[in-house]
């Protein structure tokens, strides 16, 4: 389990594609790079992945099954991804804890700024909307927050603007694809 609190971002530096798998090489910030090693399990844009190799400041992940349910297949070199390290054993996770099991991909409908808030409106696929309501927590690219409003298949999430500094929220715009992890009572710790 993860907290859904992003530690920082990485930039996709290399992508190798095979028929059913991809290897993504991501440049890590030094403060995060110093905390990872081969076989470290962490969240990348909300998806639980295992470090397979580290070369300099580039950390590599193999992606296979997640290609069908995430945005990894559409990411390009230069894209920014959110990174979260697994908390220490015994840490309190809180209500918005994430498993790293992405349930699907959604599309950003609109992004607006209001005072200290970034309001992100996301069109959630029908198969994911049946069990969500306002005030439920949801993981978007690994950032866990509560849903402010639900209208048909559009949800609104209010993020503090300062999250734009440590996450890829600032890159979101209408049409952006995002990874979604829906949370339920069994995720609460």
Protein backbone atom coordinates (compact mmCIF):
# COMPACT_ATOMS: atom_id res chain seq x y z
CA UNK A 1 0.00 0.00 0.00
CA UNK A 2 1.00 3.59 -0.68
CA UNK A 3 -0.10 6.92 0.76
CA UNK A 4 -1.08 8.57 -2.54
CA UNK A 5 1.32 11.42 -1.74
CA UNK A 6 3.77 12.03 -4.60
CA UNK A 7 7.42 12.51 -3.59
CA UNK A 8 8.43 14.16 -6.85
CA UNK A 9 8.49 13.72 -10.60
CA UNK A 10 10.67 12.02 -13.15
CA UNK A 11 11.10 12.63 -16.87
CA UNK A 12 10.83 9.79 -19.38
CA UNK A 13 14.22 9.56 -21.05
CA UNK A 14 14.00 6.23 -22.94
CA UNK A 15 11.26 3.88 -24.12
CA UNK A 16 11.91 0.45 -25.61
CA UNK A 17 8.88 -1.36 -27.02
CA UNK A 18 8.36 -5.04 -27.78
CA UNK A 19 5.12 -6.77 -28.79
CA UNK A 20 3.71 -7.15 -25.27
CA UNK A 21 6.12 -5.19 -23.06
CA UNK A 22 7.83 -1.86 -22.73
CA UNK A 23 10.83 -0.70 -20.75
CA UNK A 24 10.70 2.90 -19.61
CA UNK A 25 13.85 4.69 -18.49
CA UNK A 26 12.97 7.61 -16.24
CA UNK A 27 15.35 10.31 -15.05
CA UNK A 28 14.94 10.65 -11.28
CA UNK A 29 15.63 13.66 -9.07
CA UNK A 30 18.62 13.00 -6.80
CA UNK A 31 16.56 13.07 -3.58
CA UNK A 32 14.43 10.16 -4.87
CA UNK A 33 17.23 8.38 -6.76
CA UNK A 34 19.19 8.01 -3.51
CA UNK A 35 16.26 6.05 -1.99
CA UNK A 36 15.79 3.42 -4.71
CA UNK A 37 17.64 0.26 -5.68
CA UNK A 38 17.03 -2.63 -8.03
CA UNK A 39 13.80 -4.46 -7.02
CA UNK A 40 12.35 -1.38 -5.26
CA UNK A 41 8.56 -1.36 -5.69
CA UNK A 42 7.12 2.11 -6.16
CA UNK A 43 4.32 4.04 -7.83
CA UNK A 44 4.90 5.60 -11.24
CA UNK A 45 1.87 7.70 -12.23
CA UNK A 46 -0.03 5.68 -9.64
CA UNK A 47 0.89 2.24 -11.02
CA UNK A 48 2.90 -0.16 -8.88
CA UNK A 49 6.12 -1.01 -10.73
CA UNK A 50 9.44 -2.66 -9.81
CA UNK A 51 12.84 -1.13 -10.56
CA UNK A 52 14.70 -3.49 -12.92
CA UNK A 53 17.85 -1.46 -13.51
CA UNK A 54 19.54 1.82 -12.58
CA UNK A 55 22.12 3.49 -14.80
CA UNK A 56 23.32 6.87 -13.54
CA UNK A 57 20.20 8.92 -12.83
CA UNK A 58 17.98 6.79 -15.09
CA UNK A 59 15.76 4.20 -13.40
CA UNK A 60 14.22 1.47 -15.59
CA UNK A 61 10.86 -0.27 -15.24
CA UNK A 62 9.39 -3.11 -17.32
CA UNK A 63 5.72 -2.68 -18.09
CA UNK A 64 3.61 -5.55 -19.40
CA UNK A 65 0.14 -6.24 -17.98
CA UNK A 66 -0.31 -2.57 -17.05
CA UNK A 67 -0.15 -1.54 -20.72
CA UNK A 68 -3.81 -2.51 -21.13
CA UNK A 69 -5.15 -0.43 -18.22
CA UNK A 70 -2.81 2.58 -17.98
CA UNK A 71 -1.49 5.52 -19.97
CA UNK A 72 2.02 4.01 -20.30
CA UNK A 73 1.47 3.01 -23.93
CA UNK A 74 0.79 6.64 -24.88
CA UNK A 75 3.61 8.26 -22.89
CA UNK A 76 6.47 9.79 -24.83
CA UNK A 77 10.06 10.79 -24.20
CA UNK A 78 10.06 14.05 -22.25
CA UNK A 79 6.77 13.37 -20.44
CA UNK A 80 6.71 14.00 -16.68
CA UNK A 81 5.54 11.19 -14.37
CA UNK A 82 4.66 11.18 -10.67
CA UNK A 83 6.81 9.10 -8.30
CA UNK A 84 6.00 7.72 -4.86
CA UNK A 85 8.14 5.44 -2.75
CA UNK A 86 6.51 2.78 -0.60
CA UNK A 87 6.16 4.00 3.00
CA UNK A 88 8.04 2.25 5.76
CA UNK A 89 6.36 -0.80 7.25
CA UNK A 90 3.98 0.23 10.00
CA UNK A 91 3.41 3.76 8.67
CA UNK A 92 -0.10 5.14 8.88
CA UNK A 93 -1.55 5.30 5.38
CA UNK A 94 -4.77 7.24 5.85
CA UNK A 95 -8.09 7.23 4.08
CA UNK A 96 -6.71 7.85 0.57
CA UNK A 97 -4.24 4.94 0.51
CA UNK A 98 -3.46 3.51 -2.93
CA UNK A 99 -2.63 -0.03 -3.96
CA UNK A 100 -1.01 0.85 -7.29
CA UNK A 101 -3.59 -1.27 -9.13
CA UNK A 102 -4.85 1.07 -11.86
CA UNK A 103 -8.50 0.42 -12.73
CA UNK A 104 -8.53 2.32 -16.03
CA UNK A 105 -7.73 5.44 -18.00
CA UNK A 106 -9.82 8.62 -17.89
CA UNK A 107 -9.77 11.86 -19.88
CA UNK A 108 -9.35 15.35 -18.46
CA UNK A 109 -12.39 17.39 -19.48
CA UNK A 110 -11.27 20.79 -18.16
CA UNK A 111 -8.79 22.43 -15.78
CA UNK A 112 -9.45 25.76 -14.07
CA UNK A 113 -7.61 27.78 -11.44
CA UNK A 114 -9.31 29.47 -8.52
CA UNK A 115 -7.28 31.31 -5.88
CA UNK A 116 -5.21 28.52 -4.28
CA UNK A 117 -6.98 25.65 -6.07
CA UNK A 118 -6.49 23.74 -9.27
CA UNK A 119 -9.90 22.35 -10.24
CA UNK A 120 -9.59 19.30 -12.48
CA UNK A 121 -12.68 17.91 -14.20
CA UNK A 122 -12.23 14.33 -15.36
CA UNK A 123 -14.48 12.18 -17.51
CA UNK A 124 -14.44 8.79 -15.84
CA UNK A 125 -15.25 5.65 -17.90
CA UNK A 126 -18.74 4.28 -17.16
CA UNK A 127 -17.36 1.03 -15.72
CA UNK A 128 -15.60 3.05 -12.99
CA UNK A 129 -18.40 5.50 -12.12
CA UNK A 130 -20.93 3.05 -10.67
CA UNK A 131 -19.41 3.05 -7.18
CA UNK A 132 -18.02 6.57 -6.81
CA UNK A 133 -19.63 9.58 -5.20
CA UNK A 134 -18.68 13.00 -3.90
CA UNK A 135 -16.23 12.88 -0.98
CA UNK A 136 -14.90 9.45 -2.01
CA UNK A 137 -11.13 9.30 -2.48
CA UNK A 138 -9.68 8.56 -5.90
CA UNK A 139 -6.15 8.22 -7.22
CA UNK A 140 -5.32 10.22 -10.36
CA UNK A 141 -1.78 9.55 -11.65
CA UNK A 142 -0.89 8.51 -8.11
CA UNK A 143 -2.23 11.64 -6.41
CA UNK A 144 -4.94 10.65 -3.93
CA UNK A 145 -7.62 13.21 -3.13
CA UNK A 146 -11.33 13.36 -2.44
CA UNK A 147 -13.88 13.95 -5.17
CA UNK A 148 -15.52 17.35 -4.80
CA UNK A 149 -18.42 16.88 -7.25
CA UNK A 150 -19.90 14.16 -9.44
CA UNK A 151 -22.10 14.99 -12.43
CA UNK A 152 -22.95 12.02 -14.66
CA UNK A 153 -19.53 10.68 -15.64
CA UNK A 154 -17.59 13.89 -14.86
CA UNK A 155 -15.89 14.27 -11.49
CA UNK A 156 -14.26 17.38 -10.09
CA UNK A 157 -11.22 17.22 -7.83
CA UNK A 158 -9.83 20.30 -6.10
CA UNK A 159 -6.06 20.15 -5.69
CA UNK A 160 -4.02 22.72 -3.79
CA UNK A 161 -2.05 24.71 -6.40
CA UNK A 162 1.23 23.97 -4.61
CA UNK A 163 0.89 20.31 -5.71
CA UNK A 164 1.83 21.54 -9.20
CA UNK A 165 5.39 21.93 -7.91
CA UNK A 166 5.90 18.29 -6.86
CA UNK A 167 3.55 16.49 -9.30
CA UNK A 168 2.64 16.47 -12.98
CA UNK A 169 -0.72 18.17 -12.29
CA UNK A 170 0.55 21.32 -14.04
CA UNK A 171 0.79 19.38 -17.33
CA UNK A 172 -2.90 18.41 -17.33
CA UNK A 173 -5.17 20.02 -19.91
CA UNK A 174 -8.39 19.14 -21.72
CA UNK A 175 -7.83 15.81 -23.50
CA UNK A 176 -5.00 14.59 -21.24
CA UNK A 177 -5.22 10.92 -20.32
CA UNK A 178 -4.76 9.95 -16.67
CA UNK A 179 -4.46 6.72 -14.69
CA UNK A 180 -7.34 6.10 -12.28
CA UNK A 181 -7.44 4.02 -9.13
CA UNK A 182 -10.84 3.95 -7.50
CA UNK A 183 -10.75 3.46 -3.78
CA UNK A 184 -13.22 1.72 -1.53
CA UNK A 185 -13.67 1.06 2.15
CA UNK A 186 -11.29 -1.91 2.04
CA UNK A 187 -8.46 0.48 1.09
CA UNK A 188 -8.81 2.46 4.32
CA UNK A 189 -6.18 1.68 6.97
